[in-house]
Amino acid sequence: MTVTVSLADVSSYRPGNPIPAEYFARFDDIGTASSVMFNPPRWRHHVGAGESPADMAERALAPLLARHGPRLLDTVDVLVVHTQLPETWFVGNGGQIAARFGIAPEWLIDLANGGCASFIHAMKLAREILSATTARTALVVTVTNTAGQVFSQPGVRAMPQGAIPGDGAGVAWLTKSDQSPILDIETRHLPQFAGEMTSVAEPPRRYWEPGVGEHHLGFTESNVAEVLERGNHIVPQVARTVCERIAVQPSDLDVLVTNQPNRTFLRNWREALELPAQRHPDTFDDCGNLFGTAMLMTFDHAVTSGLVPEGGVVMFAGFAHAGDFAAAAAVRWGGRRHGGDR
């Protein structure tokens, strides 16, 4: 028997007060590619001092529980967590998040890869588990927490890359139902590009070695240009692959939700898929580059704002790091329901 798995609902959390672009230095003489990649958003949010991934996950979960009730957690047998900057040595923060939620799922996965497209990667894993086992429901949690901890370091804050990231967290609830069925998922690992996004410091040292230089992303002008070229093509490719399999023309998609690296990617992706801006909601100017949380935050915002029609096909698509992973997923959105509506 074929099991239908749905993306039943999502919720999200933005920490602290919005931080304006003026908080960061402005650069007029950086190279052309870097000017595109690091053109800053108007606002972003930073994780608070002492705010842990479990804190952020719990705050992102709260709206979901308010809509569906705390007994939702009684059915969760699968928890997939992607934490951008794990705070627990050797292991991720999945166990701490499960403890904070008060659950002990049979399947608890800390997902290290997937980056900006980790939500789709995690959704695929959760769907496979729900389809093949007696597990009842799943939660996917993404925590993005480097903006206020890495990119706001005094030296990094003065770099062009410092103004781009934002922090936040998102939660998705997957159920065995036909409420908002996941129609298809495409994931592509491209290991030839793995490791191109590096962490560097001056003087050089590995991130665990003592030293005075602050670690930051090791982008060069040529590397930035390659990532821009790669990202421009790979995201529309995976989206078109899913469209072909579900027999929907890209231009007929009701909503496109992508990761949020910069304005140029956002424009190029929707133009490649022949979609108007109103069908491609984004949170870039309010939240910056949210990496793995961007899709959940943006979709939650779009649903809350009434931008996602019931019965509409939503395409999630994005790529990670320097292009070592790309993914797309289509969902037929059945609307946001509350506990009493199920």
C-alpha atoms as a PDB file:
ATOM      1  CA  MET A   1       0.000   0.000   0.000  1.00  0.00           C
ATOM      2  CA  THR A   2       1.338   3.426  -0.961  1.00  0.00           C
ATOM      3  CA  VAL A   3       1.607   5.823   1.967  1.00  0.00           C
ATOM      4  CA  THR A   4       0.985   9.517   1.302  1.00  0.00           C
ATOM      5  CA  VAL A   5       3.094  11.873   3.409  1.00  0.00           C
ATOM      6  CA  SER A   6       2.084  15.510   3.813  1.00  0.00           C
ATOM      7  CA  LEU A   7       3.779  18.693   4.888  1.00  0.00           C
ATOM      8  CA  ALA A   8       1.028  19.419   7.401  1.00  0.00           C
ATOM      9  CA  ASP A   9       2.310  22.713   8.828  1.00  0.00           C
ATOM     10  CA  VAL A  10       5.378  24.855   9.503  1.00  0.00           C
ATOM     11  CA  SER A  11       6.371  27.467  12.062  1.00  0.00           C
ATOM     12  CA  SER A  12       9.398  29.681  12.609  1.00  0.00           C
ATOM     13  CA  TYR A  13      11.215  32.011  14.986  1.00  0.00           C
ATOM     14  CA  ARG A  14      13.168  35.240  14.496  1.00  0.00           C
ATOM     15  CA  PRO A  15      15.438  36.074  17.451  1.00  0.00           C
ATOM     16  CA  GLY A  16      15.814  39.555  18.892  1.00  0.00           C
ATOM     17  CA  ASN A  17      15.169  42.913  17.287  1.00  0.00           C
ATOM     18  CA  PRO A  18      15.931  43.620  13.612  1.00  0.00           C
ATOM     19  CA  ILE A  19      19.514  44.783  13.035  1.00  0.00           C
ATOM     20  CA  PRO A  20      19.947  47.396  10.272  1.00  0.00           C
ATOM     21  CA  ALA A  21      22.544  47.319   7.509  1.00  0.00           C
ATOM     22  CA  GLU A  22      24.158  50.382   9.098  1.00  0.00           C
ATOM     23  CA  TYR A  23      25.465  48.103  11.860  1.00  0.00           C
ATOM     24  CA  PHE A  24      28.013  46.832   9.338  1.00  0.00           C
ATOM     25  CA  ALA A  25      30.721  48.516   7.293  1.00  0.00           C
ATOM     26  CA  ARG A  26      29.858  49.406   3.687  1.00  0.00           C
ATOM     27  CA  PHE A  27      32.149  48.623   0.766  1.00  0.00           C
ATOM     28  CA  ASP A  28      32.271  50.424  -2.551  1.00  0.00           C
ATOM     29  CA  ASP A  29      35.457  48.979  -3.990  1.00  0.00           C
ATOM     30  CA  ILE A  30      34.950  45.203  -3.822  1.00  0.00           C
ATOM     31  CA  GLY A  31      34.953  43.150  -7.011  1.00  0.00           C
ATOM     32  CA  THR A  32      31.931  42.746  -9.248  1.00  0.00           C
ATOM     33  CA  ALA A  33      31.035  39.195  -8.198  1.00  0.00           C
ATOM     34  CA  SER A  34      31.489  40.000  -4.518  1.00  0.00           C
ATOM     35  CA  SER A  35      29.299  43.080  -4.923  1.00  0.00           C
ATOM     36  CA  VAL A  36      26.519  40.773  -6.136  1.00  0.00           C
ATOM     37  CA  MET A  37      27.073  38.045  -3.551  1.00  0.00           C
ATOM     38  CA  PHE A  38      27.420  40.421  -0.593  1.00  0.00           C
ATOM     39  CA  ASN A  39      24.885  43.136  -1.404  1.00  0.00           C
ATOM     40  CA  PRO A  40      23.422  43.465   2.096  1.00  0.00           C
ATOM     41  CA  PRO A  41      19.774  43.183   3.136  1.00  0.00           C
ATOM     42  CA  ARG A  42      18.098  46.036   4.985  1.00  0.00           C
ATOM     43  CA  TRP A  43      17.618  43.976   8.153  1.00  0.00           C
ATOM     44  CA  ARG A  44      18.568  40.709   9.816  1.00  0.00           C
ATOM     45  CA  HIS A  45      18.156  39.088  13.237  1.00  0.00           C
ATOM     46  CA  HIS A  46      20.950  37.778  15.478  1.00  0.00           C
ATOM     47  CA  VAL A  47      20.833  34.956  17.998  1.00  0.00           C
ATOM     48  CA  GLY A  48      20.867  36.338  21.543  1.00  0.00           C
ATOM     49  CA  ALA A  49      23.758  36.017  23.963  1.00  0.00           C
ATOM     50  CA  GLY A  50      23.518  32.584  25.548  1.00  0.00           C
ATOM     51  CA  GLU A  51      20.613  31.554  23.297  1.00  0.00           C
ATOM     52  CA  SER A  52      21.146  27.882  22.483  1.00  0.00           C
ATOM     53  CA  PRO A  53      19.953  25.860  19.464  1.00  0.00           C
ATOM     54  CA  ALA A  54      17.477  24.134  21.783  1.00  0.00           C
ATOM     55  CA  ASP A  55      16.149  27.535  22.884  1.00  0.00           C
ATOM     56  CA  MET A  56      15.667  28.591  19.264  1.00  0.00           C
ATOM     57  CA  ALA A  57      14.044  25.286  18.288  1.00  0.00           C
ATOM     58  CA  GLU A  58      11.619  25.475  21.215  1.00  0.00           C
ATOM     59  CA  ARG A  59      10.625  29.028  20.253  1.00  0.00           C
ATOM     60  CA  ALA A  60      10.125  27.989  16.627  1.00  0.00           C
ATOM     61  CA  LEU A  61       7.931  25.079  17.734  1.00  0.00           C
ATOM     62  CA  ALA A  62       5.668  27.214  19.931  1.00  0.00           C
ATOM     63  CA  PRO A  63       3.332  28.509  17.157  1.00  0.00           C
ATOM     64  CA  LEU A  64       2.870  24.954  15.872  1.00  0.00           C
ATOM     65  CA  LEU A  65       1.825  23.755  19.320  1.00  0.00           C
ATOM     66  CA  ALA A  66      -0.467  26.754  19.724  1.00  0.00           C
ATOM     67  CA  ARG A  67      -2.327  25.745  16.558  1.00  0.00           C
ATOM     68  CA  HIS A  68      -2.412  21.968  17.067  1.00  0.00           C
ATOM     69  CA  GLY A  69      -2.025  21.455  20.799  1.00  0.00           C
ATOM     70  CA  PRO A  70       0.803  19.932  22.841  1.00  0.00           C
ATOM     71  CA  ARG A  71      -0.427  16.377  22.186  1.00  0.00           C
ATOM     72  CA  LEU A  72       1.027  16.734  18.694  1.00  0.00           C
ATOM     73  CA  LEU A  73       4.349  15.779  20.285  1.00  0.00           C
ATOM     74  CA  ASP A  74       2.899  12.441  21.466  1.00  0.00           C
ATOM     75  CA  THR A  75       2.817  11.242  17.841  1.00  0.00           C
ATOM     76  CA  VAL A  76       6.365  12.265  16.839  1.00  0.00           C
ATOM     77  CA  ASP A  77       8.466   9.187  16.092  1.00  0.00           C
ATOM     78  CA  VAL A  78      10.934  10.920  13.739  1.00  0.00           C
ATOM     79  CA  LEU A  79      13.047  14.011  14.453  1.00  0.00           C
ATOM     80  CA  VAL A  80      15.518  15.315  11.865  1.00  0.00           C
ATOM     81  CA  VAL A  81      17.614  18.297  12.965  1.00  0.00           C
ATOM     82  CA  HIS A  82      20.006  20.515  11.050  1.00  0.00           C
ATOM     83  CA  THR A  83      21.968  22.939  13.234  1.00  0.00           C
ATOM     84  CA  GLN A  84      24.232  25.326  11.358  1.00  0.00           C
ATOM     85  CA  LEU A  85      26.640  25.764  14.293  1.00  0.00           C
ATOM     86  CA  PRO A  86      26.273  22.844  16.741  1.00  0.00           C
ATOM     87  CA  GLU A  87      27.155  23.800  20.284  1.00  0.00           C
ATOM     88  CA  THR A  88      27.753  20.285  21.569  1.00  0.00           C
ATOM     89  CA  TRP A  89      31.176  18.791  20.972  1.00  0.00           C
ATOM     90  CA  PHE A  90      31.310  15.722  18.717  1.00  0.00           C
ATOM     91  CA  VAL A  91      27.532  15.425  18.360  1.00  0.00           C
ATOM     92  CA  GLY A  92      24.844  17.703  17.013  1.00  0.00           C
ATOM     93  CA  ASN A  93      22.092  19.327  19.016  1.00  0.00           C
ATOM     94  CA  GLY A  94      19.342  16.871  18.050  1.00  0.00           C
ATOM     95  CA  GLY A  95      19.358  15.130  21.418  1.00  0.00           C
ATOM     96  CA  GLN A  96      19.119  18.390  23.336  1.00  0.00           C
ATOM     97  CA  ILE A  97      16.274  19.565  21.098  1.00  0.00           C
ATOM     98  CA  ALA A  98      14.408  16.277  21.606  1.00  0.00           C
ATOM     99  CA  ALA A  99      14.830  16.646  25.374  1.00  0.00           C
ATOM    100  CA  ARG A 100      13.576  20.226  25.229  1.00  0.00           C
ATOM    101  CA  PHE A 101      10.532  19.074  23.238  1.00  0.00           C
ATOM    102  CA  GLY A 102       9.952  16.306  25.783  1.00  0.00           C
ATOM    103  CA  ILE A 103      10.080  13.522  23.193  1.00  0.00           C
ATOM    104  CA  ALA A 104      12.136  10.357  22.709  1.00  0.00           C
ATOM    105  CA  PRO A 105      11.653   9.548  19.012  1.00  0.00           C
ATOM    106  CA  GLU A 106      12.621   6.187  17.584  1.00  0.00           C
ATOM    107  CA  TRP A 107      14.370   7.991  14.724  1.00  0.00           C
ATOM    108  CA  LEU A 108      16.611  10.920  15.743  1.00  0.00           C
ATOM    109  CA  ILE A 109      18.902  12.188  12.977  1.00  0.00           C
ATOM    110  CA  ASP A 110      21.420  15.040  13.188  1.00  0.00           C
ATOM    111  CA  LEU A 111      21.857  16.140   9.591  1.00  0.00           C
ATOM    112  CA  ALA A 112      25.275  17.688   9.020  1.00  0.00           C
ATOM    113  CA  ASN A 113      25.071  18.258   5.269  1.00  0.00           C
ATOM    114  CA  GLY A 114      22.478  19.902   3.080  1.00  0.00           C
ATOM    115  CA  GLY A 115      23.245  23.459   4.164  1.00  0.00           C
ATOM    116  CA  CYS A 116      20.821  25.952   2.615  1.00  0.00           C
ATOM    117  CA  ALA A 117      18.793  23.061   1.152  1.00  0.00           C
ATOM    118  CA  SER A 118      18.843  20.963   4.327  1.00  0.00           C
ATOM    119  CA  PHE A 119      15.079  21.321   4.804  1.00  0.00           C
ATOM    120  CA  ILE A 120      14.419  19.396   1.590  1.00  0.00           C
ATOM    121  CA  HIS A 121      17.114  16.842   2.442  1.00  0.00           C
ATOM    122  CA  ALA A 122      15.545  16.313   5.876  1.00  0.00           C
ATOM    123  CA  MET A 123      12.018  16.201   4.435  1.00  0.00           C
ATOM    124  CA  LYS A 124      13.080  13.433   2.049  1.00  0.00           C
ATOM    125  CA  LEU A 125      14.608  11.390   4.873  1.00  0.00           C
ATOM    126  CA  ALA A 126      11.520  11.853   7.045  1.00  0.00           C
ATOM    127  CA  ARG A 127       9.187  10.948   4.197  1.00  0.00           C
ATOM    128  CA  GLU A 128      11.101   7.739   3.484  1.00  0.00           C
ATOM    129  CA  ILE A 129      10.977   6.705   7.131  1.00  0.00           C
ATOM    130  CA  LEU A 130       7.265   7.472   7.485  1.00  0.00           C
ATOM    131  CA  SER A 131       6.495   5.609   4.251  1.00  0.00           C
ATOM    132  CA  ALA A 132       8.453   2.485   5.134  1.00  0.00           C
ATOM    133  CA  THR A 133       7.833   2.079   8.885  1.00  0.00           C
ATOM    134  CA  THR A 134       5.137   2.320  11.521  1.00  0.00           C
ATOM    135  CA  ALA A 135       6.382   5.772  12.540  1.00  0.00           C
ATOM    136  CA  ARG A 136       3.442   8.151  12.851  1.00  0.00           C
ATOM    137  CA  THR A 137       4.613  11.746  12.372  1.00  0.00           C
ATOM    138  CA  ALA A 138       7.910  13.599  11.943  1.00  0.00           C
ATOM    139  CA  LEU A 139       9.374  16.948  12.866  1.00  0.00           C
ATOM    140  CA  VAL A 140      12.085  18.617  10.811  1.00  0.00           C
ATOM    141  CA  VAL A 141      13.980  21.333  12.688  1.00  0.00           C
ATOM    142  CA  THR A 142      16.471  23.803  11.240  1.00  0.00           C
ATOM    143  CA  VAL A 143      18.524  26.168  13.388  1.00  0.00           C
ATOM    144  CA  THR A 144      20.612  28.954  11.841  1.00  0.00           C
ATOM    145  CA  ASN A 145      22.851  30.625  14.399  1.00  0.00           C
ATOM    146  CA  THR A 146      26.117  31.931  12.938  1.00  0.00           C
ATOM    147  CA  ALA A 147      25.167  35.546  12.187  1.00  0.00           C
ATOM    148  CA  GLY A 148      25.268  36.646  15.798  1.00  0.00           C
ATOM    149  CA  GLN A 149      28.148  34.367  16.782  1.00  0.00           C
ATOM    150  CA  VAL A 150      30.558  34.214  13.831  1.00  0.00           C
ATOM    151  CA  PHE A 151      29.681  37.004  11.419  1.00  0.00           C
ATOM    152  CA  SER A 152      29.313  39.624  14.152  1.00  0.00           C
ATOM    153  CA  GLN A 153      32.868  39.133  15.445  1.00  0.00           C
ATOM    154  CA  PRO A 154      34.609  42.534  15.222  1.00  0.00           C
ATOM    155  CA  GLY A 155      36.912  41.535  12.387  1.00  0.00           C
ATOM    156  CA  VAL A 156      34.324  39.570  10.400  1.00  0.00           C
ATOM    157  CA  ARG A 157      31.689  42.243  10.920  1.00  0.00           C
ATOM    158  CA  ALA A 158      33.982  44.634   9.023  1.00  0.00           C
ATOM    159  CA  MET A 159      34.107  42.302   5.993  1.00  0.00           C
ATOM    160  CA  PRO A 160      31.585  42.384   3.111  1.00  0.00           C
ATOM    161  CA  GLN A 161      30.355  38.897   4.046  1.00  0.00           C
ATOM    162  CA  GLY A 162      29.462  39.995   7.593  1.00  0.00           C
ATOM    163  CA  ALA A 163      26.284  41.875   6.675  1.00  0.00           C
ATOM    164  CA  ILE A 164      24.579  39.077   4.744  1.00  0.00           C
ATOM    165  CA  PRO A 165      23.645  36.338   7.266  1.00  0.00           C
ATOM    166  CA  GLY A 166      20.736  36.312   9.654  1.00  0.00           C
ATOM    167  CA  ASP A 167      19.680  33.906  12.383  1.00  0.00           C
ATOM    168  CA  GLY A 168      16.431  32.035  12.934  1.00  0.00           C
ATOM    169  CA  ALA A 169      14.834  28.630  13.349  1.00  0.00           C
ATOM    170  CA  GLY A 170      12.084  26.667  11.652  1.00  0.00           C
ATOM    171  CA  VAL A 171       9.989  23.557  12.280  1.00  0.00           C
ATOM    172  CA  ALA A 172       8.051  21.430   9.795  1.00  0.00           C
ATOM    173  CA  TRP A 173       5.480  18.799  10.760  1.00  0.00           C
ATOM    174  CA  LEU A 174       5.055  15.810   8.434  1.00  0.00           C
ATOM    175  CA  THR A 175       2.122  13.433   8.738  1.00  0.00           C
ATOM    176  CA  LYS A 176       0.754  10.338   7.045  1.00  0.00           C
ATOM    177  CA  SER A 177      -2.194  12.010   5.355  1.00  0.00           C
ATOM    178  CA  ASP A 178      -3.379  13.548   2.111  1.00  0.00           C
ATOM    179  CA  GLN A 179      -3.779  17.021   3.626  1.00  0.00           C
ATOM    180  CA  SER A 180      -0.812  18.634   1.819  1.00  0.00           C
ATOM    181  CA  PRO A 181       0.869  15.775  -0.040  1.00  0.00           C
ATOM    182  CA  ILE A 182       4.520  15.828  -0.958  1.00  0.00           C
ATOM    183  CA  LEU A 183       4.312  15.178  -4.705  1.00  0.00           C
ATOM    184  CA  ASP A 184       7.974  14.585  -5.518  1.00  0.00           C
ATOM    185  CA  ILE A 185      11.494  15.293  -4.248  1.00  0.00           C
ATOM    186  CA  GLU A 186      14.758  15.553  -6.180  1.00  0.00           C
ATOM    187  CA  THR A 187      18.093  15.606  -4.356  1.00  0.00           C
ATOM    188  CA  ARG A 188      21.522  15.813  -5.963  1.00  0.00           C
ATOM    189  CA  HIS A 189      24.834  15.429  -4.209  1.00  0.00           C
ATOM    190  CA  LEU A 190      27.716  17.006  -6.154  1.00  0.00           C
ATOM    191  CA  PRO A 191      30.789  15.959  -4.170  1.00  0.00           C
ATOM    192  CA  GLN A 192      33.211  17.459  -6.688  1.00  0.00           C
ATOM    193  CA  PHE A 193      32.337  20.847  -5.177  1.00  0.00           C
ATOM    194  CA  ALA A 194      32.525  19.754  -1.543  1.00  0.00           C
ATOM    195  CA  GLY A 195      35.030  21.695   0.522  1.00  0.00           C
ATOM    196  CA  GLU A 196      35.093  24.750  -1.724  1.00  0.00           C
ATOM    197  CA  MET A 197      33.425  26.816   0.994  1.00  0.00           C
ATOM    198  CA  THR A 198      36.189  26.925   3.566  1.00  0.00           C
ATOM    199  CA  SER A 199      36.821  28.500   6.929  1.00  0.00           C
ATOM    200  CA  VAL A 200      39.980  30.612   7.138  1.00  0.00           C
ATOM    201  CA  ALA A 201      41.757  32.831   9.655  1.00  0.00           C
ATOM    202  CA  GLU A 202      44.759  35.156   9.646  1.00  0.00           C
ATOM    203  CA  PRO A 203      47.300  33.943  10.609  1.00  0.00           C
ATOM    204  CA  PRO A 204      46.230  30.547   9.215  1.00  0.00           C
ATOM    205  CA  ARG A 205      45.064  27.894  11.684  1.00  0.00           C
ATOM    206  CA  ARG A 206      42.483  25.144  11.910  1.00  0.00           C
ATOM    207  CA  TYR A 207      39.270  26.122  13.618  1.00  0.00           C
ATOM    208  CA  TRP A 208      40.006  24.132  16.780  1.00  0.00           C
ATOM    209  CA  GLU A 209      43.562  25.408  17.196  1.00  0.00           C
ATOM    210  CA  PRO A 210      44.264  28.359  19.516  1.00  0.00           C
ATOM    211  CA  GLY A 211      45.082  31.669  17.888  1.00  0.00           C
ATOM    212  CA  VAL A 212      44.173  35.311  17.533  1.00  0.00           C
ATOM    213  CA  GLY A 213      42.624  35.464  14.057  1.00  0.00           C
ATOM    214  CA  GLU A 214      38.832  35.211  13.730  1.00  0.00           C
ATOM    215  CA  HIS A 215      37.531  32.460  11.475  1.00  0.00           C
ATOM    216  CA  HIS A 216      35.412  33.470   8.505  1.00  0.00           C
ATOM    217  CA  LEU A 217      34.415  32.155   5.072  1.00  0.00           C
ATOM    218  CA  GLY A 218      37.360  31.923   2.703  1.00  0.00           C
ATOM    219  CA  PHE A 219      35.761  33.390  -0.425  1.00  0.00           C
ATOM    220  CA  THR A 220      37.927  34.697  -3.246  1.00  0.00           C
ATOM    221  CA  GLU A 221      36.662  36.802  -6.139  1.00  0.00           C
ATOM    222  CA  SER A 222      37.073  33.902  -8.598  1.00  0.00           C
ATOM    223  CA  ASN A 223      35.407  31.453  -6.207  1.00  0.00           C
ATOM    224  CA  VAL A 224      32.449  33.798  -5.708  1.00  0.00           C
ATOM    225  CA  ALA A 225      32.024  34.088  -9.496  1.00  0.00           C
ATOM    226  CA  GLU A 226      32.014  30.295  -9.847  1.00  0.00           C
ATOM    227  CA  VAL A 227      29.420  29.869  -7.086  1.00  0.00           C
ATOM    228  CA  LEU A 228      27.181  32.488  -8.685  1.00  0.00           C
ATOM    229  CA  GLU A 229      27.384  30.748 -12.062  1.00  0.00           C
ATOM    230  CA  ARG A 230      26.796  27.328 -10.520  1.00  0.00           C
ATOM    231  CA  GLY A 231      23.875  28.418  -8.374  1.00  0.00           C
ATOM    232  CA  ASN A 232      22.157  30.240 -11.227  1.00  0.00           C
ATOM    233  CA  HIS A 233      21.825  26.971 -13.150  1.00  0.00           C
ATOM    234  CA  ILE A 234      21.484  24.189 -10.606  1.00  0.00           C
ATOM    235  CA  VAL A 235      18.413  25.448  -8.742  1.00  0.00           C
ATOM    236  CA  PRO A 236      16.220  25.832 -11.859  1.00  0.00           C
ATOM    237  CA  GLN A 237      17.500  22.425 -13.034  1.00  0.00           C
ATOM    238  CA  VAL A 238      16.307  20.533  -9.961  1.00  0.00           C
ATOM    239  CA  ALA A 239      13.015  22.449  -9.965  1.00  0.00           C
ATOM    240  CA  ARG A 240      12.393  21.603 -13.627  1.00  0.00           C
ATOM    241  CA  THR A 241      13.158  17.935 -12.934  1.00  0.00           C
ATOM    242  CA  VAL A 242      10.444  17.808 -10.291  1.00  0.00           C
ATOM    243  CA  CYS A 243       8.026  19.748 -12.533  1.00  0.00           C
ATOM    244  CA  GLU A 244       8.530  17.226 -15.322  1.00  0.00           C
ATOM    245  CA  ARG A 245       7.801  14.279 -13.046  1.00  0.00           C
ATOM    246  CA  ILE A 246       4.608  15.805 -11.637  1.00  0.00           C
ATOM    247  CA  ALA A 247       3.510  17.086 -15.082  1.00  0.00           C
ATOM    248  CA  VAL A 248       3.400  20.770 -14.141  1.00  0.00           C
ATOM    249  CA  GLN A 249       4.977  23.510 -16.222  1.00  0.00           C
ATOM    250  CA  PRO A 250       7.389  25.653 -14.160  1.00  0.00           C
ATOM    251  CA  SER A 251       5.490  28.784 -15.175  1.00  0.00           C
ATOM    252  CA  ASP A 252       2.301  27.228 -13.740  1.00  0.00           C
ATOM    253  CA  LEU A 253       3.715  26.812 -10.227  1.00  0.00           C
ATOM    254  CA  ASP A 254       1.620  28.699  -7.693  1.00  0.00           C
ATOM    255  CA  VAL A 255       4.498  29.456  -5.317  1.00  0.00           C
ATOM    256  CA  LEU A 256       8.278  29.110  -5.496  1.00  0.00           C
ATOM    257  CA  VAL A 257      10.162  29.039  -2.175  1.00  0.00           C
ATOM    258  CA  THR A 258      13.951  29.050  -2.352  1.00  0.00           C
ATOM    259  CA  ASN A 259      16.898  29.617  -0.112  1.00  0.00           C
ATOM    260  CA  GLN A 260      17.788  33.305   0.208  1.00  0.00           C
ATOM    261  CA  PRO A 261      21.473  33.957  -0.607  1.00  0.00           C
ATOM    262  CA  ASN A 262      21.104  37.343  -2.320  1.00  0.00           C
ATOM    263  CA  ARG A 263      18.776  39.391  -4.527  1.00  0.00           C
ATOM    264  CA  THR A 264      20.486  38.356  -7.766  1.00  0.00           C
ATOM    265  CA  PHE A 265      19.950  34.631  -7.210  1.00  0.00           C
ATOM    266  CA  LEU A 266      16.317  35.254  -6.303  1.00  0.00           C
ATOM    267  CA  ARG A 267      15.692  37.251  -9.483  1.00  0.00           C
ATOM    268  CA  ASN A 268      17.564  34.847 -11.745  1.00  0.00           C
ATOM    269  CA  TRP A 269      15.813  31.763 -10.379  1.00  0.00           C
ATOM    270  CA  ARG A 270      12.292  33.092 -10.842  1.00  0.00           C
ATOM    271  CA  GLU A 271      13.129  34.449 -14.295  1.00  0.00           C
ATOM    272  CA  ALA A 272      14.585  31.069 -15.317  1.00  0.00           C
ATOM    273  CA  LEU A 273      11.326  29.411 -14.258  1.00  0.00           C
ATOM    274  CA  GLU A 274       9.243  32.191 -15.866  1.00  0.00           C
ATOM    275  CA  LEU A 275       7.520  33.156 -12.643  1.00  0.00           C
ATOM    276  CA  PRO A 276       6.438  36.647 -11.555  1.00  0.00           C
ATOM    277  CA  ALA A 277       7.855  38.103  -8.370  1.00  0.00           C
ATOM    278  CA  GLN A 278       4.515  37.795  -6.533  1.00  0.00           C
ATOM    279  CA  ARG A 279       4.717  33.996  -6.832  1.00  0.00           C
ATOM    280  CA  HIS A 280       8.249  33.917  -5.424  1.00  0.00           C
ATOM    281  CA  PRO A 281       7.985  35.262  -1.857  1.00  0.00           C
ATOM    282  CA  ASP A 282      11.212  36.010  -0.059  1.00  0.00           C
ATOM    283  CA  THR A 283      12.384  37.223   3.336  1.00  0.00           C
ATOM    284  CA  PHE A 284      15.852  38.411   2.312  1.00  0.00           C
ATOM    285  CA  ASP A 285      15.463  42.103   3.109  1.00  0.00           C
ATOM    286  CA  ASP A 286      13.847  41.330   6.477  1.00  0.00           C
ATOM    287  CA  CYS A 287      16.002  38.393   7.565  1.00  0.00           C
ATOM    288  CA  GLY A 288      19.112  38.218   5.354  1.00  0.00           C
ATOM    289  CA  ASN A 289      20.574  34.901   4.269  1.00  0.00           C
ATOM    290  CA  LEU A 290      19.041  32.386   6.669  1.00  0.00           C
ATOM    291  CA  PHE A 291      20.832  29.404   5.096  1.00  0.00           C
ATOM    292  CA  GLY A 292      19.029  26.190   6.102  1.00  0.00           C
ATOM    293  CA  THR A 293      16.137  28.017   7.789  1.00  0.00           C
ATOM    294  CA  ALA A 294      15.325  30.276   4.828  1.00  0.00           C
ATOM    295  CA  MET A 295      12.752  28.006   3.161  1.00  0.00           C
ATOM    296  CA  LEU A 296      10.841  27.310   6.369  1.00  0.00           C
ATOM    297  CA  MET A 297      10.892  30.960   7.442  1.00  0.00           C
ATOM    298  CA  THR A 298       9.812  32.173   4.013  1.00  0.00           C
ATOM    299  CA  PHE A 299       7.064  29.579   3.601  1.00  0.00           C
ATOM    300  CA  ASP A 300       5.726  30.270   7.088  1.00  0.00           C
ATOM    301  CA  HIS A 301       5.656  33.997   6.244  1.00  0.00           C
ATOM    302  CA  ALA A 302       3.963  33.330   2.889  1.00  0.00           C
ATOM    303  CA  VAL A 303       1.245  31.126   4.413  1.00  0.00           C
ATOM    304  CA  THR A 304       0.595  33.602   7.222  1.00  0.00           C
ATOM    305  CA  SER A 305       0.400  36.443   4.686  1.00  0.00           C
ATOM    306  CA  GLY A 306      -2.142  34.596   2.529  1.00  0.00           C
ATOM    307  CA  LEU A 307       0.238  34.178  -0.407  1.00  0.00           C
ATOM    308  CA  VAL A 308      -0.186  30.383  -0.712  1.00  0.00           C
ATOM    309  CA  PRO A 309      -3.519  29.302  -2.225  1.00  0.00           C
ATOM    310  CA  GLU A 310      -5.217  26.151  -0.993  1.00  0.00           C
ATOM    311  CA  GLY A 311      -4.703  23.424  -3.568  1.00  0.00           C
ATOM    312  CA  GLY A 312      -1.751  25.278  -5.083  1.00  0.00           C
ATOM    313  CA  VAL A 313       1.527  23.608  -6.018  1.00  0.00           C
ATOM    314  CA  VAL A 314       4.445  24.902  -3.996  1.00  0.00           C
ATOM    315  CA  MET A 315       7.976  24.272  -5.238  1.00  0.00           C
ATOM    316  CA  PHE A 316      10.791  24.332  -2.693  1.00  0.00           C
ATOM    317  CA  ALA A 317      14.234  24.579  -4.316  1.00  0.00           C
ATOM    318  CA  GLY A 318      17.762  25.508  -3.336  1.00  0.00           C
ATOM    319  CA  PHE A 319      21.431  24.667  -3.260  1.00  0.00           C
ATOM    320  CA  ALA A 320      24.027  24.407  -0.517  1.00  0.00           C
ATOM    321  CA  HIS A 321      27.472  25.792   0.190  1.00  0.00           C
ATOM    322  CA  ALA A 322      29.473  26.201  -3.038  1.00  0.00           C
ATOM    323  CA  GLY A 323      27.126  23.847  -4.916  1.00  0.00           C
ATOM    324  CA  ASP A 324      27.826  20.425  -3.368  1.00  0.00           C
ATOM    325  CA  PHE A 325      24.103  19.748  -2.874  1.00  0.00           C
ATOM    326  CA  ALA A 326      20.910  20.846  -4.595  1.00  0.00           C
ATOM    327  CA  ALA A 327      17.317  19.817  -4.057  1.00  0.00           C
ATOM    328  CA  ALA A 328      13.726  20.553  -4.984  1.00  0.00           C
ATOM    329  CA  ALA A 329      10.396  19.341  -3.632  1.00  0.00           C
ATOM    330  CA  ALA A 330       6.810  19.910  -4.733  1.00  0.00           C
ATOM    331  CA  VAL A 331       3.888  20.029  -2.292  1.00  0.00           C
ATOM    332  CA  ARG A 332       0.190  20.484  -3.043  1.00  0.00           C
ATOM    333  CA  TRP A 333      -0.724  22.812  -0.204  1.00  0.00           C
ATOM    334  CA  GLY A 334      -4.003  21.967   1.484  1.00  0.00           C
ATOM    335  CA  GLY A 335      -4.118  25.007   3.728  1.00  0.00           C
ATOM    336  CA  ARG A 336      -3.125  25.658   7.298  1.00  0.00           C
ATOM    337  CA  ARG A 337      -5.414  23.818   9.689  1.00  0.00           C
ATOM    338  CA  HIS A 338      -5.728  24.056  13.426  1.00  0.00           C
ATOM    339  CA  GLY A 339      -6.053  21.223  15.902  1.00  0.00           C
ATOM    340  CA  GLY A 340      -9.822  21.101  15.727  1.00  0.00           C
ATOM    341  CA  ASP A 341      -9.830  21.034  11.920  1.00  0.00           C
ATOM    342  CA  ARG A 342      -8.088  17.711  11.511  1.00  0.00           C
END
